[in-house]
Amino acid sequence: MTSWEMKAVLDSKKKMRTRLAALPYAEKLRLLEAMRERHLSISAARPKSTVAPLK
């Protein structure tokens, strides 16, 4: 990754953080719930591992 690509990624992240910080609290909760639902769907679709998770 070149330095200008990294700068573009970092700039994009900063803009996204600013946009998310400006959202009303209720909208942040709605986004959180949507992420939680996606996580549960992905977790349910994954095959169960026979290896113990790292701690």
Protein backbone atom coordinates (compact mmCIF):
# COMPACT_ATOMS: atom_id res chain seq x y z
CA MET A 1 0.00 0.00 0.00
CA THR A 2 1.46 3.32 -0.99
CA SER A 3 1.61 6.31 1.32
CA TRP A 4 -1.09 8.19 -0.64
CA GLU A 5 -3.37 5.13 -0.42
CA MET A 6 -2.80 4.96 3.33
CA LYS A 7 -3.53 8.68 3.64
CA ALA A 8 -6.79 8.17 1.73
CA VAL A 9 -7.78 5.31 4.05
CA LEU A 10 -6.99 7.34 7.17
CA ASP A 11 -8.83 10.40 5.84
CA SER A 12 -11.85 8.26 5.05
CA LYS A 13 -11.83 6.76 8.55
CA LYS A 14 -11.65 10.21 10.12
CA LYS A 15 -14.63 11.41 8.05
CA MET A 16 -16.64 8.32 8.99
CA ARG A 17 -15.88 8.77 12.71
CA THR A 18 -16.94 12.42 12.52
CA ARG A 19 -20.16 11.51 10.71
CA LEU A 20 -20.99 8.76 13.20
CA ALA A 21 -20.24 11.01 16.18
CA ALA A 22 -22.71 13.58 14.86
CA LEU A 23 -25.60 11.10 14.68
CA PRO A 24 -28.37 11.25 17.26
CA TYR A 25 -28.19 8.71 20.07
CA ALA A 26 -31.24 6.80 18.79
CA GLU A 27 -29.63 6.36 15.38
CA LYS A 28 -26.44 5.05 16.99
CA LEU A 29 -28.52 2.47 18.86
CA ARG A 30 -30.26 1.46 15.62
CA LEU A 31 -26.87 0.94 13.94
CA LEU A 32 -25.63 -1.05 16.93
CA GLU A 33 -28.66 -3.34 16.77
CA ALA A 34 -28.15 -3.88 13.03
CA MET A 35 -24.50 -4.83 13.64
CA ARG A 36 -25.57 -7.20 16.41
CA GLU A 37 -28.07 -8.91 14.11
CA ARG A 38 -25.43 -9.32 11.38
CA HIS A 39 -23.00 -10.76 13.93
CA LEU A 40 -25.57 -13.32 15.08
CA SER A 41 -26.35 -14.31 11.47
CA ILE A 42 -22.69 -14.73 10.60
CA SER A 43 -21.98 -16.66 13.80
CA ALA A 44 -24.87 -19.03 13.14
CA ALA A 45 -23.67 -19.69 9.58
CA ARG A 46 -20.11 -20.54 10.57
CA PRO A 47 -19.14 -24.15 11.06
CA LYS A 48 -18.38 -24.99 14.67
CA SER A 49 -14.66 -25.19 15.42
CA THR A 50 -13.19 -28.19 17.21
CA VAL A 51 -10.26 -26.08 18.40
CA ALA A 52 -10.57 -24.17 21.66
CA PRO A 53 -10.47 -20.37 21.21
CA LEU A 54 -7.35 -18.49 22.26
CA LYS A 55 -7.51 -16.63 25.55
